[in-house]
């Protein structure tokens, strides 16, 4: 009995590894006729609705928009429907939570992202997702 993959979550941070994860997800989505949702996690607390946008948040959101535009183009070139999502908080926890709440069939994540130095001391986001997610996880090197 196999898993039917219809929706794939791909965390993206702009790193080469995250885009290798996207490439793998695109290949799988073509085989399974699945959709892809790219997720960018802003590493800060979500601002209240009435709060003005800070300059730091603006930089994060512009970066997210640039990454999602590139990812959407890559997916479209292969005929894959791509949705984008931005979330706030701790990367690993948000990825696991969103995969569960939105009922994704698979998480495809790069083995290392932008925070390579942090991984030495604290453990990587991909490692956290692998061990905490109840959904299947594919780590791409």
Foldseek 3Di string as FASTA:
>chain_A
DDFQAAEEEQEDDPFPLSVVLLVVVLVVCVVRVHAYEYEYEAADDDDDPPDDQDPSNVVSVVSQVVRQVVSCVVSVVSPHHYHYYYHYHDLLVVVQVCCVVVVGQEYRYEPADPPVVVCVPPNGSLVSNCVPHPHHYHYGD
